[in-house]
Amino acid sequence: MTYPILMHHLHNGSVQSGQPRRDSHVRSRMRSMLQDRNFVAIAMSCPALVYLALFLLFPLILVIYNSFYHYDLIDPGSRQFDGLDNYVRAIGSHRFWMAVGNSLLFTAVVVCVEFVLGFAVALFIDRLKRGREIVRTILLLPLMIAPIIAAVAWRYIYSSEFGILNWALYQIGLIDSPSALPWLSSPAFALPAAMIVDIWLTTPFIVLILLAGLQALPKSLSDAAKIDGTSLVREIFLIKLPLLRPVIAVALVMRLIDAARTFDAIWILTGGGPRFSSEVLSTQIYRTLARYADVGFSSAIAVLFTVGLMILALCVYLILRPSDAGGRA
């Protein structure tokens, strides 16, 4: 019974044609999937999504989880659930609010100064007729230096014993002696000294973004402004800045986040001192975790820092984002 039935199927070609027919169906489905842009986009994004899940989402969840516990690295068996005690402790801490104030002051000053300087330099380079590439290359040099190396170099520059900055100020008569300004050991100068280093390091980044935006603007608008006799100041405020709002929004949000979480330069220059005068939230989180081994409290500060930074960045973006044709933001 079996042999005649098999021969019947072979005669009809069902066994021979079934597998090629299935292969053809699989190939057609694969071809249609590859032609689907959404599928291709999701497939190409999978490595990045896996990376973000492993190195961003998982640590974030772990930090939030630890923030509800009393967890001492010196005694790992002491973990116990504390609820919101770490958050209450952080909000009631004078040093926490001092670090918040220093972080806000540091971020506001460096971002504003970097934007003004960066836009002025970008405008200058954009109007250059010759040597534009040379000037742009020179300005990019600070971006090639690691922040740690730059901070070490600036620490020697700020030295009150053999620093070149005090020596230069003394030579031009602005100070009475080469050791008159204790840049890194005075509460009045420690945070401004760190601001100067950050401005020197990252202003070229703002220059690059704004210069790309300026060069993308239609030249016909500048030509029309010149024909109408519009001054450079009016051209900047009435034409260039309004058209650059999307670029400015992206640049400021990126710099705001980066400046608020600055750690390496401040830690190497001052260590958050003297007397916590240059302590920012990033250095306080590190000090609480590395020196005091208090995982729960440092995690609570990190969560508050992240939430506040997200709210601040969102507010800046909503203020600066361009309006559409209908007048909506």
C-alpha atoms as a PDB file:
ATOM      1  CA  MET A   1       0.000   0.000   0.000  1.00  0.00           C
ATOM      2  CA  THR A   2       2.783   2.436   0.838  1.00  0.00           C
ATOM      3  CA  TYR A   3       4.916   1.914  -2.250  1.00  0.00           C
ATOM      4  CA  PRO A   4       2.130   2.590  -4.816  1.00  0.00           C
ATOM      5  CA  ILE A   5       1.043   5.720  -2.955  1.00  0.00           C
ATOM      6  CA  LEU A   6       4.614   7.036  -2.890  1.00  0.00           C
ATOM      7  CA  MET A   7       5.030   6.311  -6.578  1.00  0.00           C
ATOM      8  CA  HIS A   8       1.760   8.109  -7.237  1.00  0.00           C
ATOM      9  CA  HIS A   9       3.016  11.251  -5.455  1.00  0.00           C
ATOM     10  CA  LEU A  10       6.339  11.081  -7.233  1.00  0.00           C
ATOM     11  CA  HIS A  11       4.523  10.769 -10.512  1.00  0.00           C
ATOM     12  CA  ASN A  12       2.445  13.858  -9.743  1.00  0.00           C
ATOM     13  CA  GLY A  13       5.589  15.810  -8.741  1.00  0.00           C
ATOM     14  CA  SER A  14       4.333  16.784  -5.294  1.00  0.00           C
ATOM     15  CA  VAL A  15       7.421  15.562  -3.426  1.00  0.00           C
ATOM     16  CA  GLN A  16       9.804  17.098  -5.924  1.00  0.00           C
ATOM     17  CA  SER A  17       8.060  20.433  -6.198  1.00  0.00           C
ATOM     18  CA  GLY A  18       7.043  20.924  -2.533  1.00  0.00           C
ATOM     19  CA  GLN A  19      10.478  21.932  -1.214  1.00  0.00           C
ATOM     20  CA  PRO A  20      11.282  24.405  -4.035  1.00  0.00           C
ATOM     21  CA  ARG A  21       7.844  25.883  -3.594  1.00  0.00           C
ATOM     22  CA  ARG A  22       8.491  26.457   0.132  1.00  0.00           C
ATOM     23  CA  ASP A  23      11.959  27.908  -0.606  1.00  0.00           C
ATOM     24  CA  SER A  24      10.451  30.289  -3.103  1.00  0.00           C
ATOM     25  CA  HIS A  25       7.881  31.398  -0.546  1.00  0.00           C
ATOM     26  CA  VAL A  26      10.596  32.016   2.081  1.00  0.00           C
ATOM     27  CA  ARG A  27      12.695  33.992  -0.414  1.00  0.00           C
ATOM     28  CA  SER A  28       9.730  36.121  -1.412  1.00  0.00           C
ATOM     29  CA  ARG A  29       8.950  36.881   2.233  1.00  0.00           C
ATOM     30  CA  MET A  30      12.575  37.792   2.940  1.00  0.00           C
ATOM     31  CA  ARG A  31      12.620  40.025  -0.130  1.00  0.00           C
ATOM     32  CA  SER A  32       9.451  41.810   0.949  1.00  0.00           C
ATOM     33  CA  MET A  33      10.836  42.277   4.479  1.00  0.00           C
ATOM     34  CA  LEU A  34      14.081  43.763   3.162  1.00  0.00           C
ATOM     35  CA  GLN A  35      12.090  46.121   0.964  1.00  0.00           C
ATOM     36  CA  ASP A  36      10.125  47.317   4.004  1.00  0.00           C
ATOM     37  CA  ARG A  37      11.873  50.444   5.304  1.00  0.00           C
ATOM     38  CA  ASN A  38      10.451  50.077   8.790  1.00  0.00           C
ATOM     39  CA  PHE A  39      11.841  46.557   9.124  1.00  0.00           C
ATOM     40  CA  VAL A  40      15.258  47.649   7.837  1.00  0.00           C
ATOM     41  CA  ALA A  41      15.306  50.620  10.227  1.00  0.00           C
ATOM     42  CA  ILE A  42      14.424  48.420  13.201  1.00  0.00           C
ATOM     43  CA  ALA A  43      17.005  45.799  12.216  1.00  0.00           C
ATOM     44  CA  MET A  44      19.747  48.407  11.822  1.00  0.00           C
ATOM     45  CA  SER A  45      18.822  49.961  15.180  1.00  0.00           C
ATOM     46  CA  CYS A  46      18.934  46.701  17.120  1.00  0.00           C
ATOM     47  CA  PRO A  47      22.689  46.838  17.968  1.00  0.00           C
ATOM     48  CA  ALA A  48      22.327  50.385  19.280  1.00  0.00           C
ATOM     49  CA  LEU A  49      19.203  49.431  21.242  1.00  0.00           C
ATOM     50  CA  VAL A  50      20.988  46.464  22.806  1.00  0.00           C
ATOM     51  CA  TYR A  51      23.923  48.711  23.722  1.00  0.00           C
ATOM     52  CA  LEU A  52      21.612  51.299  25.303  1.00  0.00           C
ATOM     53  CA  ALA A  53      19.741  48.617  27.216  1.00  0.00           C
ATOM     54  CA  LEU A  54      22.938  47.106  28.627  1.00  0.00           C
ATOM     55  CA  PHE A  55      24.943  50.226  29.377  1.00  0.00           C
ATOM     56  CA  LEU A  56      22.259  52.864  29.989  1.00  0.00           C
ATOM     57  CA  LEU A  57      18.896  51.390  30.896  1.00  0.00           C
ATOM     58  CA  PHE A  58      20.160  48.635  33.196  1.00  0.00           C
ATOM     59  CA  PRO A  59      22.495  50.921  35.229  1.00  0.00           C
ATOM     60  CA  LEU A  60      19.699  53.487  35.495  1.00  0.00           C
ATOM     61  CA  ILE A  61      17.293  50.886  36.860  1.00  0.00           C
ATOM     62  CA  LEU A  62      19.986  49.667  39.261  1.00  0.00           C
ATOM     63  CA  VAL A  63      20.638  53.203  40.532  1.00  0.00           C
ATOM     64  CA  ILE A  64      16.921  53.801  41.093  1.00  0.00           C
ATOM     65  CA  TYR A  65      16.661  50.459  42.897  1.00  0.00           C
ATOM     66  CA  ASN A  66      19.654  51.183  45.153  1.00  0.00           C
ATOM     67  CA  SER A  67      18.308  54.627  46.026  1.00  0.00           C
ATOM     68  CA  PHE A  68      15.567  53.008  48.123  1.00  0.00           C
ATOM     69  CA  TYR A  69      18.018  50.988  50.210  1.00  0.00           C
ATOM     70  CA  HIS A  70      20.638  51.585  52.847  1.00  0.00           C
ATOM     71  CA  TYR A  71      23.610  49.880  51.234  1.00  0.00           C
ATOM     72  CA  ASP A  72      27.169  50.206  52.499  1.00  0.00           C
ATOM     73  CA  LEU A  73      29.954  48.874  50.270  1.00  0.00           C
ATOM     74  CA  ILE A  74      32.123  48.213  53.317  1.00  0.00           C
ATOM     75  CA  ASP A  75      29.425  45.940  54.751  1.00  0.00           C
ATOM     76  CA  PRO A  76      27.495  44.403  51.793  1.00  0.00           C
ATOM     77  CA  GLY A  77      25.306  42.407  54.160  1.00  0.00           C
ATOM     78  CA  SER A  78      23.851  45.570  55.657  1.00  0.00           C
ATOM     79  CA  ARG A  79      21.408  46.190  52.794  1.00  0.00           C
ATOM     80  CA  GLN A  80      17.993  47.141  54.107  1.00  0.00           C
ATOM     81  CA  PHE A  81      14.993  48.867  52.587  1.00  0.00           C
ATOM     82  CA  ASP A  82      14.769  52.529  53.604  1.00  0.00           C
ATOM     83  CA  GLY A  83      12.012  53.771  51.299  1.00  0.00           C
ATOM     84  CA  LEU A  84      12.375  57.488  50.647  1.00  0.00           C
ATOM     85  CA  ASP A  85      14.794  58.099  53.525  1.00  0.00           C
ATOM     86  CA  ASN A  86      17.753  58.694  51.193  1.00  0.00           C
ATOM     87  CA  TYR A  87      15.771  61.283  49.227  1.00  0.00           C
ATOM     88  CA  VAL A  88      14.639  63.031  52.411  1.00  0.00           C
ATOM     89  CA  ARG A  89      18.212  63.004  53.646  1.00  0.00           C
ATOM     90  CA  ALA A  90      19.466  64.519  50.380  1.00  0.00           C
ATOM     91  CA  ILE A  91      16.824  67.249  50.246  1.00  0.00           C
ATOM     92  CA  GLY A  92      17.525  68.163  53.863  1.00  0.00           C
ATOM     93  CA  SER A  93      21.296  68.315  53.364  1.00  0.00           C
ATOM     94  CA  HIS A  94      22.972  71.726  53.222  1.00  0.00           C
ATOM     95  CA  ARG A  95      25.849  70.325  51.179  1.00  0.00           C
ATOM     96  CA  PHE A  96      23.408  68.940  48.610  1.00  0.00           C
ATOM     97  CA  TRP A  97      21.862  72.349  48.002  1.00  0.00           C
ATOM     98  CA  MET A  98      25.315  73.942  47.905  1.00  0.00           C
ATOM     99  CA  ALA A  99      26.257  71.462  45.178  1.00  0.00           C
ATOM    100  CA  VAL A 100      22.993  72.198  43.347  1.00  0.00           C
ATOM    101  CA  GLY A 101      23.720  75.928  43.432  1.00  0.00           C
ATOM    102  CA  ASN A 102      27.292  75.426  42.232  1.00  0.00           C
ATOM    103  CA  SER A 103      26.098  73.126  39.442  1.00  0.00           C
ATOM    104  CA  LEU A 104      23.491  75.638  38.258  1.00  0.00           C
ATOM    105  CA  LEU A 105      25.958  78.525  38.435  1.00  0.00           C
ATOM    106  CA  PHE A 106      28.687  76.565  36.656  1.00  0.00           C
ATOM    107  CA  THR A 107      26.314  75.393  33.914  1.00  0.00           C
ATOM    108  CA  ALA A 108      24.701  78.789  33.338  1.00  0.00           C
ATOM    109  CA  VAL A 109      27.991  80.686  33.150  1.00  0.00           C
ATOM    110  CA  VAL A 110      29.900  78.288  30.917  1.00  0.00           C
ATOM    111  CA  VAL A 111      27.002  77.684  28.510  1.00  0.00           C
ATOM    112  CA  CYS A 112      26.244  81.405  28.112  1.00  0.00           C
ATOM    113  CA  VAL A 113      29.900  82.392  27.679  1.00  0.00           C
ATOM    114  CA  GLU A 114      30.569  79.515  25.295  1.00  0.00           C
ATOM    115  CA  PHE A 115      27.549  80.417  23.179  1.00  0.00           C
ATOM    116  CA  VAL A 116      28.481  84.103  22.921  1.00  0.00           C
ATOM    117  CA  LEU A 117      32.143  83.372  22.182  1.00  0.00           C
ATOM    118  CA  GLY A 118      31.285  80.461  19.907  1.00  0.00           C
ATOM    119  CA  PHE A 119      28.823  82.471  17.839  1.00  0.00           C
ATOM    120  CA  ALA A 120      31.243  85.400  17.532  1.00  0.00           C
ATOM    121  CA  VAL A 121      34.077  83.121  16.403  1.00  0.00           C
ATOM    122  CA  ALA A 122      31.799  81.180  14.034  1.00  0.00           C
ATOM    123  CA  LEU A 123      30.588  84.442  12.500  1.00  0.00           C
ATOM    124  CA  PHE A 124      34.185  85.622  12.123  1.00  0.00           C
ATOM    125  CA  ILE A 125      35.250  82.391  10.391  1.00  0.00           C
ATOM    126  CA  ASP A 126      32.176  82.438   8.154  1.00  0.00           C
ATOM    127  CA  ARG A 127      33.064  85.923   6.908  1.00  0.00           C
ATOM    128  CA  LEU A 128      36.720  85.090   6.273  1.00  0.00           C
ATOM    129  CA  LYS A 129      37.787  85.112   2.657  1.00  0.00           C
ATOM    130  CA  ARG A 130      41.156  83.403   3.140  1.00  0.00           C
ATOM    131  CA  GLY A 131      42.676  81.138   5.753  1.00  0.00           C
ATOM    132  CA  ARG A 132      39.343  79.759   6.946  1.00  0.00           C
ATOM    133  CA  GLU A 133      40.645  76.181   7.120  1.00  0.00           C
ATOM    134  CA  ILE A 134      43.761  77.227   9.061  1.00  0.00           C
ATOM    135  CA  VAL A 135      41.787  79.169  11.671  1.00  0.00           C
ATOM    136  CA  ARG A 136      39.270  76.354  12.020  1.00  0.00           C
ATOM    137  CA  THR A 137      42.060  73.805  12.543  1.00  0.00           C
ATOM    138  CA  ILE A 138      43.697  75.937  15.242  1.00  0.00           C
ATOM    139  CA  LEU A 139      40.383  76.318  17.061  1.00  0.00           C
ATOM    140  CA  LEU A 140      39.870  72.559  17.037  1.00  0.00           C
ATOM    141  CA  LEU A 141      43.050  71.889  19.005  1.00  0.00           C
ATOM    142  CA  PRO A 142      41.388  72.005  22.478  1.00  0.00           C
ATOM    143  CA  LEU A 143      38.886  69.356  21.352  1.00  0.00           C
ATOM    144  CA  MET A 144      41.773  66.978  20.664  1.00  0.00           C
ATOM    145  CA  ILE A 145      42.976  67.150  24.276  1.00  0.00           C
ATOM    146  CA  ALA A 146      41.485  64.855  26.896  1.00  0.00           C
ATOM    147  CA  PRO A 147      39.797  66.811  29.725  1.00  0.00           C
ATOM    148  CA  ILE A 148      41.990  65.103  32.328  1.00  0.00           C
ATOM    149  CA  ILE A 149      45.190  66.129  30.548  1.00  0.00           C
ATOM    150  CA  ALA A 150      43.861  69.652  30.051  1.00  0.00           C
ATOM    151  CA  ALA A 151      42.965  69.915  33.743  1.00  0.00           C
ATOM    152  CA  VAL A 152      46.452  68.795  34.780  1.00  0.00           C
ATOM    153  CA  ALA A 153      48.018  71.375  32.445  1.00  0.00           C
ATOM    154  CA  TRP A 154      45.758  74.139  33.750  1.00  0.00           C
ATOM    155  CA  ARG A 155      46.592  73.135  37.311  1.00  0.00           C
ATOM    156  CA  TYR A 156      50.200  74.072  36.590  1.00  0.00           C
ATOM    157  CA  ILE A 157      49.066  77.272  34.852  1.00  0.00           C
ATOM    158  CA  TYR A 158      47.052  78.267  37.944  1.00  0.00           C
ATOM    159  CA  SER A 159      49.869  77.443  40.387  1.00  0.00           C
ATOM    160  CA  SER A 160      50.591  80.325  42.750  1.00  0.00           C
ATOM    161  CA  GLU A 161      54.250  79.276  42.980  1.00  0.00           C
ATOM    162  CA  PHE A 162      55.312  78.818  39.358  1.00  0.00           C
ATOM    163  CA  GLY A 163      52.125  79.306  37.331  1.00  0.00           C
ATOM    164  CA  ILE A 164      52.395  81.280  34.113  1.00  0.00           C
ATOM    165  CA  LEU A 165      49.029  83.006  34.627  1.00  0.00           C
ATOM    166  CA  ASN A 166      49.996  84.816  37.827  1.00  0.00           C
ATOM    167  CA  TRP A 167      53.411  85.598  36.342  1.00  0.00           C
ATOM    168  CA  ALA A 168      51.769  87.218  33.296  1.00  0.00           C
ATOM    169  CA  LEU A 169      49.372  89.225  35.470  1.00  0.00           C
ATOM    170  CA  TYR A 170      52.308  90.351  37.603  1.00  0.00           C
ATOM    171  CA  GLN A 171      54.334  91.402  34.562  1.00  0.00           C
ATOM    172  CA  ILE A 172      51.565  93.656  33.258  1.00  0.00           C
ATOM    173  CA  GLY A 173      51.004  95.163  36.704  1.00  0.00           C
ATOM    174  CA  LEU A 174      47.587  93.752  37.556  1.00  0.00           C
ATOM    175  CA  ILE A 175      48.775  92.042  40.753  1.00  0.00           C
ATOM    176  CA  ASP A 176      51.466  92.949  43.278  1.00  0.00           C
ATOM    177  CA  SER A 177      53.244  89.586  43.407  1.00  0.00           C
ATOM    178  CA  PRO A 178      53.245  86.342  41.363  1.00  0.00           C
ATOM    179  CA  SER A 179      51.542  84.537  44.259  1.00  0.00           C
ATOM    180  CA  ALA A 180      48.843  87.136  44.910  1.00  0.00           C
ATOM    181  CA  LEU A 181      45.978  85.105  43.402  1.00  0.00           C
ATOM    182  CA  PRO A 182      45.506  81.626  44.904  1.00  0.00           C
ATOM    183  CA  TRP A 183      43.333  80.353  42.058  1.00  0.00           C
ATOM    184  CA  LEU A 184      42.769  76.817  43.333  1.00  0.00           C
ATOM    185  CA  SER A 185      43.038  77.308  47.097  1.00  0.00           C
ATOM    186  CA  SER A 186      40.629  80.217  47.514  1.00  0.00           C
ATOM    187  CA  PRO A 187      36.856  79.666  47.795  1.00  0.00           C
ATOM    188  CA  ALA A 188      36.318  82.817  45.733  1.00  0.00           C
ATOM    189  CA  PHE A 189      38.413  81.659  42.760  1.00  0.00           C
ATOM    190  CA  ALA A 190      38.120  77.854  42.699  1.00  0.00           C
ATOM    191  CA  LEU A 191      34.832  77.572  40.789  1.00  0.00           C
ATOM    192  CA  PRO A 192      35.619  80.417  38.321  1.00  0.00           C
ATOM    193  CA  ALA A 193      38.970  78.726  37.618  1.00  0.00           C
ATOM    194  CA  ALA A 194      37.144  75.522  36.686  1.00  0.00           C
ATOM    195  CA  MET A 195      34.752  77.540  34.509  1.00  0.00           C
ATOM    196  CA  ILE A 196      37.658  79.010  32.537  1.00  0.00           C
ATOM    197  CA  VAL A 197      39.022  75.538  31.823  1.00  0.00           C
ATOM    198  CA  ASP A 198      35.634  74.263  30.643  1.00  0.00           C
ATOM    199  CA  ILE A 199      35.114  77.318  28.430  1.00  0.00           C
ATOM    200  CA  TRP A 200      38.549  76.847  26.876  1.00  0.00           C
ATOM    201  CA  LEU A 201      37.886  73.160  26.273  1.00  0.00           C
ATOM    202  CA  THR A 202      34.410  73.188  24.766  1.00  0.00           C
ATOM    203  CA  THR A 203      33.915  76.538  23.039  1.00  0.00           C
ATOM    204  CA  PRO A 204      35.307  75.002  19.799  1.00  0.00           C
ATOM    205  CA  PHE A 205      32.433  72.503  19.915  1.00  0.00           C
ATOM    206  CA  ILE A 206      29.909  75.350  19.842  1.00  0.00           C
ATOM    207  CA  VAL A 207      31.929  77.016  17.074  1.00  0.00           C
ATOM    208  CA  LEU A 208      31.720  73.895  14.915  1.00  0.00           C
ATOM    209  CA  ILE A 209      27.953  73.507  15.282  1.00  0.00           C
ATOM    210  CA  LEU A 210      27.141  77.187  14.735  1.00  0.00           C
ATOM    211  CA  LEU A 211      29.591  77.480  11.838  1.00  0.00           C
ATOM    212  CA  ALA A 212      27.897  74.560  10.101  1.00  0.00           C
ATOM    213  CA  GLY A 213      24.549  76.276  10.626  1.00  0.00           C
ATOM    214  CA  LEU A 214      25.824  79.612   9.293  1.00  0.00           C
ATOM    215  CA  GLN A 215      27.284  78.014   6.184  1.00  0.00           C
ATOM    216  CA  ALA A 216      23.974  76.253   5.515  1.00  0.00           C
ATOM    217  CA  LEU A 217      22.021  79.530   5.431  1.00  0.00           C
ATOM    218  CA  PRO A 218      21.030  80.806   1.963  1.00  0.00           C
ATOM    219  CA  LYS A 219      23.556  83.356   0.713  1.00  0.00           C
ATOM    220  CA  SER A 220      20.762  85.205  -1.056  1.00  0.00           C
ATOM    221  CA  LEU A 221      19.464  86.494   2.291  1.00  0.00           C
ATOM    222  CA  SER A 222      22.807  88.091   3.164  1.00  0.00           C
ATOM    223  CA  ASP A 223      23.099  89.539  -0.340  1.00  0.00           C
ATOM    224  CA  ALA A 224      19.604  91.029  -0.086  1.00  0.00           C
ATOM    225  CA  ALA A 225      20.434  92.508   3.325  1.00  0.00           C
ATOM    226  CA  LYS A 226      23.569  94.145   1.909  1.00  0.00           C
ATOM    227  CA  ILE A 227      21.616  95.590  -1.022  1.00  0.00           C
ATOM    228  CA  ASP A 228      19.033  97.026   1.385  1.00  0.00           C
ATOM    229  CA  GLY A 229      21.821  98.592   3.447  1.00  0.00           C
ATOM    230  CA  THR A 230      21.116  96.499   6.542  1.00  0.00           C
ATOM    231  CA  SER A 231      23.847  96.725   9.170  1.00  0.00           C
ATOM    232  CA  LEU A 232      25.663  93.624  10.366  1.00  0.00           C
ATOM    233  CA  VAL A 233      24.033  93.809  13.803  1.00  0.00           C
ATOM    234  CA  ARG A 234      20.529  93.943  12.331  1.00  0.00           C
ATOM    235  CA  GLU A 235      21.385  91.143   9.921  1.00  0.00           C
ATOM    236  CA  ILE A 236      22.541  88.967  12.819  1.00  0.00           C
ATOM    237  CA  PHE A 237      19.490  89.561  15.019  1.00  0.00           C
ATOM    238  CA  LEU A 238      16.834  89.693  12.283  1.00  0.00           C
ATOM    239  CA  ILE A 239      18.074  87.056   9.844  1.00  0.00           C
ATOM    240  CA  LYS A 240      20.821  84.785  11.118  1.00  0.00           C
ATOM    241  CA  LEU A 241      19.761  84.119  14.712  1.00  0.00           C
ATOM    242  CA  PRO A 242      16.077  83.388  13.901  1.00  0.00           C
ATOM    243  CA  LEU A 243      17.098  80.955  11.158  1.00  0.00           C
ATOM    244  CA  LEU A 244      19.634  79.307  13.468  1.00  0.00           C
ATOM    245  CA  ARG A 245      17.137  78.592  16.259  1.00  0.00           C
ATOM    246  CA  PRO A 246      16.983  74.817  15.593  1.00  0.00           C
ATOM    247  CA  VAL A 247      20.791  74.599  15.539  1.00  0.00           C
ATOM    248  CA  ILE A 248      21.101  76.772  18.646  1.00  0.00           C
ATOM    249  CA  ALA A 249      18.529  74.652  20.497  1.00  0.00           C
ATOM    250  CA  VAL A 250      20.435  71.440  19.794  1.00  0.00           C
ATOM    251  CA  ALA A 251      23.813  72.998  20.658  1.00  0.00           C
ATOM    252  CA  LEU A 252      22.614  74.508  23.938  1.00  0.00           C
ATOM    253  CA  VAL A 253      20.817  71.362  25.094  1.00  0.00           C
ATOM    254  CA  MET A 254      23.889  69.228  24.365  1.00  0.00           C
ATOM    255  CA  ARG A 255      26.214  71.651  26.128  1.00  0.00           C
ATOM    256  CA  LEU A 256      23.801  72.112  29.029  1.00  0.00           C
ATOM    257  CA  ILE A 257      23.754  68.379  29.732  1.00  0.00           C
ATOM    258  CA  ASP A 258      27.509  68.041  29.262  1.00  0.00           C
ATOM    259  CA  ALA A 259      28.364  71.058  31.427  1.00  0.00           C
ATOM    260  CA  ALA A 260      26.013  70.038  34.235  1.00  0.00           C
ATOM    261  CA  ARG A 261      27.666  66.633  34.567  1.00  0.00           C
ATOM    262  CA  THR A 262      31.249  67.929  34.372  1.00  0.00           C
ATOM    263  CA  PHE A 263      33.421  65.974  36.766  1.00  0.00           C
ATOM    264  CA  ASP A 264      36.989  65.324  35.655  1.00  0.00           C
ATOM    265  CA  ALA A 265      38.215  68.909  35.276  1.00  0.00           C
ATOM    266  CA  ILE A 266      36.695  70.070  38.580  1.00  0.00           C
ATOM    267  CA  TRP A 267      37.900  67.034  40.500  1.00  0.00           C
ATOM    268  CA  ILE A 268      41.477  67.308  39.250  1.00  0.00           C
ATOM    269  CA  LEU A 269      41.665  71.079  39.705  1.00  0.00           C
ATOM    270  CA  THR A 270      40.053  71.494  43.117  1.00  0.00           C
ATOM    271  CA  GLY A 271      38.605  68.176  44.285  1.00  0.00           C
ATOM    272  CA  GLY A 272      35.404  70.072  45.060  1.00  0.00           C
ATOM    273  CA  GLY A 273      37.173  72.344  47.535  1.00  0.00           C
ATOM    274  CA  PRO A 274      38.298  74.350  49.273  1.00  0.00           C
ATOM    275  CA  ARG A 275      35.559  73.903  51.878  1.00  0.00           C
ATOM    276  CA  PHE A 276      33.230  72.505  49.185  1.00  0.00           C
ATOM    277  CA  SER A 277      33.172  75.890  47.405  1.00  0.00           C
ATOM    278  CA  SER A 278      33.524  74.185  44.005  1.00  0.00           C
ATOM    279  CA  GLU A 279      31.550  71.042  44.864  1.00  0.00           C
ATOM    280  CA  VAL A 280      29.037  70.179  42.127  1.00  0.00           C
ATOM    281  CA  LEU A 281      26.572  67.309  42.036  1.00  0.00           C
ATOM    282  CA  SER A 282      28.845  65.019  40.024  1.00  0.00           C
ATOM    283  CA  THR A 283      31.728  65.396  42.489  1.00  0.00           C
ATOM    284  CA  GLN A 284      29.369  64.985  45.452  1.00  0.00           C
ATOM    285  CA  ILE A 285      28.020  61.740  43.997  1.00  0.00           C
ATOM    286  CA  TYR A 286      31.550  60.443  43.490  1.00  0.00           C
ATOM    287  CA  ARG A 287      32.699  61.517  46.943  1.00  0.00           C
ATOM    288  CA  THR A 288      29.682  59.926  48.633  1.00  0.00           C
ATOM    289  CA  LEU A 289      30.164  56.655  46.762  1.00  0.00           C
ATOM    290  CA  ALA A 290      33.959  56.331  46.578  1.00  0.00           C
ATOM    291  CA  ARG A 291      35.006  57.845  49.898  1.00  0.00           C
ATOM    292  CA  TYR A 292      32.046  57.145  52.150  1.00  0.00           C
ATOM    293  CA  ALA A 293      30.872  53.926  50.386  1.00  0.00           C
ATOM    294  CA  ASP A 294      27.237  55.015  50.778  1.00  0.00           C
ATOM    295  CA  VAL A 295      25.589  53.500  47.703  1.00  0.00           C
ATOM    296  CA  GLY A 296      22.008  54.334  48.657  1.00  0.00           C
ATOM    297  CA  PHE A 297      22.589  58.018  49.384  1.00  0.00           C
ATOM    298  CA  SER A 298      24.760  58.555  46.296  1.00  0.00           C
ATOM    299  CA  SER A 299      22.145  56.782  44.160  1.00  0.00           C
ATOM    300  CA  ALA A 300      19.396  59.054  45.511  1.00  0.00           C
ATOM    301  CA  ILE A 301      21.471  62.145  44.656  1.00  0.00           C
ATOM    302  CA  ALA A 302      22.120  60.707  41.180  1.00  0.00           C
ATOM    303  CA  VAL A 303      18.395  60.141  40.581  1.00  0.00           C
ATOM    304  CA  LEU A 304      17.517  63.673  41.699  1.00  0.00           C
ATOM    305  CA  PHE A 305      20.331  65.015  39.524  1.00  0.00           C
ATOM    306  CA  THR A 306      19.123  63.086  36.464  1.00  0.00           C
ATOM    307  CA  VAL A 307      15.489  64.152  36.868  1.00  0.00           C
ATOM    308  CA  GLY A 308      16.435  67.802  37.374  1.00  0.00           C
ATOM    309  CA  LEU A 309      18.765  67.744  34.381  1.00  0.00           C
ATOM    310  CA  MET A 310      16.090  66.233  32.138  1.00  0.00           C
ATOM    311  CA  ILE A 311      13.568  68.885  33.201  1.00  0.00           C
ATOM    312  CA  LEU A 312      16.084  71.691  32.645  1.00  0.00           C
ATOM    313  CA  ALA A 313      17.109  70.395  29.208  1.00  0.00           C
ATOM    314  CA  LEU A 314      13.463  69.978  28.179  1.00  0.00           C
ATOM    315  CA  CYS A 315      12.622  73.537  29.250  1.00  0.00           C
ATOM    316  CA  VAL A 316      15.554  74.960  27.276  1.00  0.00           C
ATOM    317  CA  TYR A 317      14.572  72.987  24.184  1.00  0.00           C
ATOM    318  CA  LEU A 318      10.896  74.005  24.397  1.00  0.00           C
ATOM    319  CA  ILE A 319      11.895  77.667  24.728  1.00  0.00           C
ATOM    320  CA  LEU A 320      14.326  77.637  21.808  1.00  0.00           C
ATOM    321  CA  ARG A 321      12.628  75.282  19.378  1.00  0.00           C
ATOM    322  CA  PRO A 322      11.338  77.021  16.236  1.00  0.00           C
ATOM    323  CA  SER A 323       7.656  77.763  15.719  1.00  0.00           C
ATOM    324  CA  ASP A 324       5.840  76.272  12.748  1.00  0.00           C
ATOM    325  CA  ALA A 325       3.933  78.159  10.110  1.00  0.00           C
ATOM    326  CA  GLY A 326       0.758  78.064  12.142  1.00  0.00           C
ATOM    327  CA  GLY A 327       2.351  79.919  14.991  1.00  0.00           C
ATOM    328  CA  ARG A 328       2.444  76.969  17.335  1.00  0.00           C
ATOM    329  CA  ALA A 329       5.638  76.175  19.272  1.00  0.00           C
END
